[in-house]
Amino acid sequence: MLEVRALNCERNDRLLFRDLSFTLEAGQVLQVKGGNGSGKTTLLRIICGLNDSYRGELFWHGAPLGEQRDAFYAGLLYIGHRVAVNRVLSPLENLRWSSRLHHPADDGRIRGALGQIGLAGYEDSPCYSLSAGQYQRVSLARLLLHGGDLWVLDEPFTTLDTRGVALLENLVGRHAESGGAVLITTHHKLTLPGLRALTLGVAR
């Protein structure tokens, strides 16, 4: 599904990674590990087209990514470590807005997703009134509304309680089982029974 060939990246005259190559197939979860400042977020942003300070090649379904960006973005869901949620809007309003950008969903489906993610009863509350974990769940509810193949998740377990961690692991596992692929950075130890979890070490 996704192939990275000989990726090189420097930041502030410091080499983050050199000749980094890997593939991510349908049904796989690839966990990117590394210490703070090792380039995990930079790598994800390069793949998602948010950072062009690199050398190397990216391929999507066997063809150069640059030749099929529309198809790539149509199949991509990126959730960064900065939660993309408007604090003034309610969870329903936030997801109504984001779903219209890519995969339109009616209010019934959005409310269903919020219920599944543990926010039943909070759909119409302003997000500034939510706890940090609930705030994170608003963003993660997008996983239930997006029809894409590739999930790119940057530290998605941050602020989640034990129940939230188990819920997110289940969503990631189900996505891979259904033929999707997941690229994820996390310090959390992934437990995905029955799935192949690949670990990519990114050197400082």
C-alpha atoms as a PDB file:
ATOM      1  CA  MET A   1       0.000   0.000   0.000  1.00  0.00           C
ATOM      2  CA  LEU A   2       2.684   2.508   1.094  1.00  0.00           C
ATOM      3  CA  GLU A   3       6.398   2.324   0.312  1.00  0.00           C
ATOM      4  CA  VAL A   4       9.155   4.643   1.519  1.00  0.00           C
ATOM      5  CA  ARG A   5      12.517   4.434  -0.247  1.00  0.00           C
ATOM      6  CA  ALA A   6      15.838   5.909   0.912  1.00  0.00           C
ATOM      7  CA  LEU A   7      14.316   8.758   2.901  1.00  0.00           C
ATOM      8  CA  ASN A   8      16.772  11.346   4.215  1.00  0.00           C
ATOM      9  CA  CYS A   9      15.870  14.283   6.438  1.00  0.00           C
ATOM     10  CA  GLU A  10      17.782  16.935   8.352  1.00  0.00           C
ATOM     11  CA  ARG A  11      16.448  19.473  10.840  1.00  0.00           C
ATOM     12  CA  ASN A  12      18.469  22.469  11.989  1.00  0.00           C
ATOM     13  CA  ASP A  13      21.617  20.924  10.450  1.00  0.00           C
ATOM     14  CA  ARG A  14      21.042  17.688  12.382  1.00  0.00           C
ATOM     15  CA  LEU A  15      20.438  14.402  10.573  1.00  0.00           C
ATOM     16  CA  LEU A  16      17.194  12.792  11.716  1.00  0.00           C
ATOM     17  CA  PHE A  17      17.294   9.720   9.487  1.00  0.00           C
ATOM     18  CA  ARG A  18      19.203   8.505   6.447  1.00  0.00           C
ATOM     19  CA  ASP A  19      18.331   5.900   3.809  1.00  0.00           C
ATOM     20  CA  LEU A  20      15.143   5.042   5.692  1.00  0.00           C
ATOM     21  CA  SER A  21      13.110   2.488   3.740  1.00  0.00           C
ATOM     22  CA  PHE A  22      10.043   0.455   4.642  1.00  0.00           C
ATOM     23  CA  THR A  23       6.733  -0.815   3.280  1.00  0.00           C
ATOM     24  CA  LEU A  24       3.307  -0.882   4.856  1.00  0.00           C
ATOM     25  CA  GLU A  25       0.874  -3.434   3.499  1.00  0.00           C
ATOM     26  CA  ALA A  26      -2.872  -3.732   3.840  1.00  0.00           C
ATOM     27  CA  GLY A  27      -3.722  -5.376   7.167  1.00  0.00           C
ATOM     28  CA  GLN A  28      -0.542  -4.192   8.909  1.00  0.00           C
ATOM     29  CA  VAL A  29       0.160  -1.875  11.814  1.00  0.00           C
ATOM     30  CA  LEU A  30       3.573  -0.227  11.797  1.00  0.00           C
ATOM     31  CA  GLN A  31       4.668   1.384  15.054  1.00  0.00           C
ATOM     32  CA  VAL A  32       7.362   4.056  14.775  1.00  0.00           C
ATOM     33  CA  LYS A  33       9.525   4.168  17.879  1.00  0.00           C
ATOM     34  CA  GLY A  34      12.217   6.604  18.993  1.00  0.00           C
ATOM     35  CA  GLY A  35      13.140   9.063  21.706  1.00  0.00           C
ATOM     36  CA  ASN A  36      11.998  12.666  21.893  1.00  0.00           C
ATOM     37  CA  GLY A  37      13.380  14.619  18.941  1.00  0.00           C
ATOM     38  CA  SER A  38      14.214  11.517  16.929  1.00  0.00           C
ATOM     39  CA  GLY A  39      11.997  12.551  14.018  1.00  0.00           C
ATOM     40  CA  LYS A  40       8.851  10.471  14.524  1.00  0.00           C
ATOM     41  CA  THR A  41       6.446  13.341  13.923  1.00  0.00           C
ATOM     42  CA  THR A  42       8.617  14.668  11.080  1.00  0.00           C
ATOM     43  CA  LEU A  43       8.428  11.291   9.352  1.00  0.00           C
ATOM     44  CA  LEU A  44       4.646  11.187   9.605  1.00  0.00           C
ATOM     45  CA  ARG A  45       4.324  14.747   8.332  1.00  0.00           C
ATOM     46  CA  ILE A  46       6.577  13.956   5.353  1.00  0.00           C
ATOM     47  CA  ILE A  47       4.378  11.016   4.406  1.00  0.00           C
ATOM     48  CA  CYS A  48       1.231  13.126   4.750  1.00  0.00           C
ATOM     49  CA  GLY A  49       2.649  15.907   2.548  1.00  0.00           C
ATOM     50  CA  LEU A  50       3.073  18.428   5.361  1.00  0.00           C
ATOM     51  CA  ASN A  51       6.872  18.607   5.195  1.00  0.00           C
ATOM     52  CA  ASP A  52       8.877  18.750   1.976  1.00  0.00           C
ATOM     53  CA  SER A  53      12.344  19.067   3.545  1.00  0.00           C
ATOM     54  CA  TYR A  54      13.540  15.592   2.622  1.00  0.00           C
ATOM     55  CA  ARG A  55      15.156  13.484  -0.067  1.00  0.00           C
ATOM     56  CA  GLY A  56      13.837  10.091  -1.091  1.00  0.00           C
ATOM     57  CA  GLU A  57      10.811   8.543  -2.729  1.00  0.00           C
ATOM     58  CA  LEU A  58       7.271   7.745  -1.609  1.00  0.00           C
ATOM     59  CA  PHE A  59       4.986   5.284  -3.408  1.00  0.00           C
ATOM     60  CA  TRP A  60       1.264   4.632  -3.060  1.00  0.00           C
ATOM     61  CA  HIS A  61       0.008   1.297  -4.370  1.00  0.00           C
ATOM     62  CA  GLY A  62       3.197   0.908  -6.395  1.00  0.00           C
ATOM     63  CA  ALA A  63       3.190   4.278  -8.162  1.00  0.00           C
ATOM     64  CA  PRO A  64       5.031   7.491  -7.196  1.00  0.00           C
ATOM     65  CA  LEU A  65       2.925   9.308  -4.649  1.00  0.00           C
ATOM     66  CA  GLY A  66       3.436  12.624  -6.436  1.00  0.00           C
ATOM     67  CA  GLU A  67       1.579  11.278  -9.468  1.00  0.00           C
ATOM     68  CA  GLN A  68      -1.547  10.308  -7.531  1.00  0.00           C
ATOM     69  CA  ARG A  69      -1.891  12.696  -4.620  1.00  0.00           C
ATOM     70  CA  ASP A  70      -5.662  12.985  -4.986  1.00  0.00           C
ATOM     71  CA  ALA A  71      -6.105   9.233  -4.601  1.00  0.00           C
ATOM     72  CA  PHE A  72      -3.643   9.178  -1.694  1.00  0.00           C
ATOM     73  CA  TYR A  73      -5.350  11.973   0.226  1.00  0.00           C
ATOM     74  CA  ALA A  74      -8.763  10.420  -0.417  1.00  0.00           C
ATOM     75  CA  GLY A  75      -7.548   7.297   1.376  1.00  0.00           C
ATOM     76  CA  LEU A  76      -5.625   9.037   4.168  1.00  0.00           C
ATOM     77  CA  LEU A  77      -6.708   9.922   7.690  1.00  0.00           C
ATOM     78  CA  TYR A  78      -4.063  11.843   9.635  1.00  0.00           C
ATOM     79  CA  ILE A  79      -4.512  12.683  13.308  1.00  0.00           C
ATOM     80  CA  GLY A  80      -1.566  14.645  14.675  1.00  0.00           C
ATOM     81  CA  HIS A  81      -0.474  14.964  18.280  1.00  0.00           C
ATOM     82  CA  ARG A  82      -2.039  18.424  18.345  1.00  0.00           C
ATOM     83  CA  VAL A  83      -5.741  17.701  18.609  1.00  0.00           C
ATOM     84  CA  ALA A  84      -7.565  19.382  15.720  1.00  0.00           C
ATOM     85  CA  VAL A  85     -10.663  20.337  17.681  1.00  0.00           C
ATOM     86  CA  ASN A  86     -12.219  23.788  18.050  1.00  0.00           C
ATOM     87  CA  ARG A  87     -12.729  24.280  21.783  1.00  0.00           C
ATOM     88  CA  VAL A  88     -15.687  26.639  21.336  1.00  0.00           C
ATOM     89  CA  LEU A  89     -17.674  24.227  19.176  1.00  0.00           C
ATOM     90  CA  SER A  90     -19.404  21.102  20.456  1.00  0.00           C
ATOM     91  CA  PRO A  91     -18.215  17.587  19.505  1.00  0.00           C
ATOM     92  CA  LEU A  92     -21.145  17.339  17.105  1.00  0.00           C
ATOM     93  CA  GLU A  93     -20.282  20.659  15.458  1.00  0.00           C
ATOM     94  CA  ASN A  94     -16.594  19.778  15.180  1.00  0.00           C
ATOM     95  CA  LEU A  95     -17.284  16.457  13.479  1.00  0.00           C
ATOM     96  CA  ARG A  96     -20.021  17.917  11.302  1.00  0.00           C
ATOM     97  CA  TRP A  97     -17.450  20.401   9.969  1.00  0.00           C
ATOM     98  CA  SER A  98     -14.582  17.921   9.504  1.00  0.00           C
ATOM     99  CA  SER A  99     -16.758  15.258   7.876  1.00  0.00           C
ATOM    100  CA  ARG A 100     -17.985  17.720   5.267  1.00  0.00           C
ATOM    101  CA  LEU A 101     -14.408  18.286   4.147  1.00  0.00           C
ATOM    102  CA  HIS A 102     -13.846  14.681   3.141  1.00  0.00           C
ATOM    103  CA  HIS A 103     -16.500  12.102   3.989  1.00  0.00           C
ATOM    104  CA  PRO A 104     -19.910  13.683   4.617  1.00  0.00           C
ATOM    105  CA  ALA A 105     -21.894  12.129   7.480  1.00  0.00           C
ATOM    106  CA  ASP A 106     -25.329  13.051   8.792  1.00  0.00           C
ATOM    107  CA  ASP A 107     -25.925  13.973  12.416  1.00  0.00           C
ATOM    108  CA  GLY A 108     -27.280  10.535  13.239  1.00  0.00           C
ATOM    109  CA  ARG A 109     -24.071   8.863  12.150  1.00  0.00           C
ATOM    110  CA  ILE A 110     -21.949  11.463  13.954  1.00  0.00           C
ATOM    111  CA  ARG A 111     -23.899  10.996  17.184  1.00  0.00           C
ATOM    112  CA  GLY A 112     -23.452   7.245  16.801  1.00  0.00           C
ATOM    113  CA  ALA A 113     -19.691   7.663  16.451  1.00  0.00           C
ATOM    114  CA  LEU A 114     -19.534   9.898  19.521  1.00  0.00           C
ATOM    115  CA  GLY A 115     -21.496   7.311  21.472  1.00  0.00           C
ATOM    116  CA  GLN A 116     -19.123   4.532  20.415  1.00  0.00           C
ATOM    117  CA  ILE A 117     -16.083   6.609  21.389  1.00  0.00           C
ATOM    118  CA  GLY A 118     -17.503   7.227  24.885  1.00  0.00           C
ATOM    119  CA  LEU A 119     -19.012  10.688  24.493  1.00  0.00           C
ATOM    120  CA  ALA A 120     -22.709   9.878  24.717  1.00  0.00           C
ATOM    121  CA  GLY A 121     -24.403  12.759  26.498  1.00  0.00           C
ATOM    122  CA  TYR A 122     -21.649  15.232  25.561  1.00  0.00           C
ATOM    123  CA  GLU A 123     -22.502  15.665  21.888  1.00  0.00           C
ATOM    124  CA  ASP A 124     -23.770  19.230  22.308  1.00  0.00           C
ATOM    125  CA  SER A 125     -21.452  20.400  25.099  1.00  0.00           C
ATOM    126  CA  PRO A 126     -18.800  23.004  24.220  1.00  0.00           C
ATOM    127  CA  CYS A 127     -15.450  21.251  23.955  1.00  0.00           C
ATOM    128  CA  TYR A 128     -13.822  23.650  26.435  1.00  0.00           C
ATOM    129  CA  SER A 129     -15.987  22.031  29.113  1.00  0.00           C
ATOM    130  CA  LEU A 130     -14.618  18.537  28.432  1.00  0.00           C
ATOM    131  CA  SER A 131     -11.737  16.805  30.178  1.00  0.00           C
ATOM    132  CA  ALA A 132      -8.439  16.308  28.322  1.00  0.00           C
ATOM    133  CA  GLY A 133      -9.317  12.694  27.600  1.00  0.00           C
ATOM    134  CA  GLN A 134     -12.782  13.559  26.324  1.00  0.00           C
ATOM    135  CA  TYR A 135     -11.275  16.292  24.181  1.00  0.00           C
ATOM    136  CA  GLN A 136      -8.943  13.721  22.621  1.00  0.00           C
ATOM    137  CA  ARG A 137     -11.881  11.391  21.969  1.00  0.00           C
ATOM    138  CA  VAL A 138     -13.622  14.046  19.868  1.00  0.00           C
ATOM    139  CA  SER A 139     -10.724  13.901  17.411  1.00  0.00           C
ATOM    140  CA  LEU A 140     -10.530  10.097  17.549  1.00  0.00           C
ATOM    141  CA  ALA A 141     -14.230   9.819  16.666  1.00  0.00           C
ATOM    142  CA  ARG A 142     -13.104  10.691  13.135  1.00  0.00           C
ATOM    143  CA  LEU A 143     -11.763   7.132  12.909  1.00  0.00           C
ATOM    144  CA  LEU A 144     -15.360   5.914  12.912  1.00  0.00           C
ATOM    145  CA  LEU A 145     -16.471   8.339  10.215  1.00  0.00           C
ATOM    146  CA  HIS A 146     -13.610   8.096   7.724  1.00  0.00           C
ATOM    147  CA  GLY A 147     -13.675   5.547   4.947  1.00  0.00           C
ATOM    148  CA  GLY A 148      -9.975   5.735   4.082  1.00  0.00           C
ATOM    149  CA  ASP A 149      -7.431   2.914   3.871  1.00  0.00           C
ATOM    150  CA  LEU A 150      -4.425   4.477   5.640  1.00  0.00           C
ATOM    151  CA  TRP A 151      -4.526   5.841   9.181  1.00  0.00           C
ATOM    152  CA  VAL A 152      -1.524   7.922  10.281  1.00  0.00           C
ATOM    153  CA  LEU A 153      -1.741   8.526  14.023  1.00  0.00           C
ATOM    154  CA  ASP A 154       0.744  10.591  16.043  1.00  0.00           C
ATOM    155  CA  GLU A 155       0.630   9.765  19.777  1.00  0.00           C
ATOM    156  CA  PRO A 156      -3.132   9.070  19.775  1.00  0.00           C
ATOM    157  CA  PHE A 157      -3.139   7.501  23.269  1.00  0.00           C
ATOM    158  CA  THR A 158      -2.108  10.744  24.984  1.00  0.00           C
ATOM    159  CA  THR A 159      -4.514  11.716  27.821  1.00  0.00           C
ATOM    160  CA  LEU A 160      -6.683   8.602  27.355  1.00  0.00           C
ATOM    161  CA  ASP A 161      -7.679   6.557  30.405  1.00  0.00           C
ATOM    162  CA  THR A 162      -7.474   2.762  30.522  1.00  0.00           C
ATOM    163  CA  ARG A 163     -10.882   2.355  28.937  1.00  0.00           C
ATOM    164  CA  GLY A 164     -10.017   4.825  26.181  1.00  0.00           C
ATOM    165  CA  VAL A 165      -6.747   3.013  25.449  1.00  0.00           C
ATOM    166  CA  ALA A 166      -8.576  -0.311  25.076  1.00  0.00           C
ATOM    167  CA  LEU A 167     -11.169   1.305  22.811  1.00  0.00           C
ATOM    168  CA  LEU A 168      -8.544   2.843  20.533  1.00  0.00           C
ATOM    169  CA  GLU A 169      -6.565  -0.387  20.332  1.00  0.00           C
ATOM    170  CA  ASN A 170      -9.767  -2.126  19.291  1.00  0.00           C
ATOM    171  CA  LEU A 171     -10.422   0.430  16.553  1.00  0.00           C
ATOM    172  CA  VAL A 172      -6.868   0.105  15.214  1.00  0.00           C
ATOM    173  CA  GLY A 173      -7.119  -3.685  15.257  1.00  0.00           C
ATOM    174  CA  ARG A 174     -10.473  -3.719  13.495  1.00  0.00           C
ATOM    175  CA  HIS A 175      -9.197  -1.351  10.813  1.00  0.00           C
ATOM    176  CA  ALA A 176      -6.229  -3.615  10.072  1.00  0.00           C
ATOM    177  CA  GLU A 177      -8.414  -6.721  10.109  1.00  0.00           C
ATOM    178  CA  SER A 178     -10.685  -5.137   7.519  1.00  0.00           C
ATOM    179  CA  GLY A 179      -7.743  -4.551   5.147  1.00  0.00           C
ATOM    180  CA  GLY A 180      -6.674  -1.093   6.227  1.00  0.00           C
ATOM    181  CA  ALA A 181      -3.181  -0.058   7.292  1.00  0.00           C
ATOM    182  CA  VAL A 182      -2.026   1.966  10.297  1.00  0.00           C
ATOM    183  CA  LEU A 183       1.176   3.972  10.803  1.00  0.00           C
ATOM    184  CA  ILE A 184       1.406   5.034  14.420  1.00  0.00           C
ATOM    185  CA  THR A 185       3.790   6.673  16.866  1.00  0.00           C
ATOM    186  CA  THR A 186       3.241   5.947  20.527  1.00  0.00           C
ATOM    187  CA  HIS A 187       5.139   5.260  23.730  1.00  0.00           C
ATOM    188  CA  HIS A 188       2.271   2.975  24.679  1.00  0.00           C
ATOM    189  CA  LYS A 189       2.951  -0.749  24.357  1.00  0.00           C
ATOM    190  CA  LEU A 190       0.583  -1.952  21.673  1.00  0.00           C
ATOM    191  CA  THR A 191      -1.290  -5.178  22.343  1.00  0.00           C
ATOM    192  CA  LEU A 192      -3.003  -6.310  19.182  1.00  0.00           C
ATOM    193  CA  PRO A 193      -3.771 -10.047  19.402  1.00  0.00           C
ATOM    194  CA  GLY A 194      -3.827 -11.832  16.085  1.00  0.00           C
ATOM    195  CA  LEU A 195      -2.259  -8.916  14.192  1.00  0.00           C
ATOM    196  CA  ARG A 196       1.282  -8.421  12.947  1.00  0.00           C
ATOM    197  CA  ALA A 197       2.737  -5.331  14.589  1.00  0.00           C
ATOM    198  CA  LEU A 198       5.875  -4.019  12.881  1.00  0.00           C
ATOM    199  CA  THR A 199       8.290  -1.815  14.786  1.00  0.00           C
ATOM    200  CA  LEU A 200      10.403   0.763  12.978  1.00  0.00           C
ATOM    201  CA  GLY A 201      13.308   2.226  14.924  1.00  0.00           C
ATOM    202  CA  VAL A 202      14.100   5.808  14.007  1.00  0.00           C
ATOM    203  CA  ALA A 203      17.608   6.763  15.086  1.00  0.00           C
ATOM    204  CA  ARG A 204      18.450  10.138  16.527  1.00  0.00           C
END
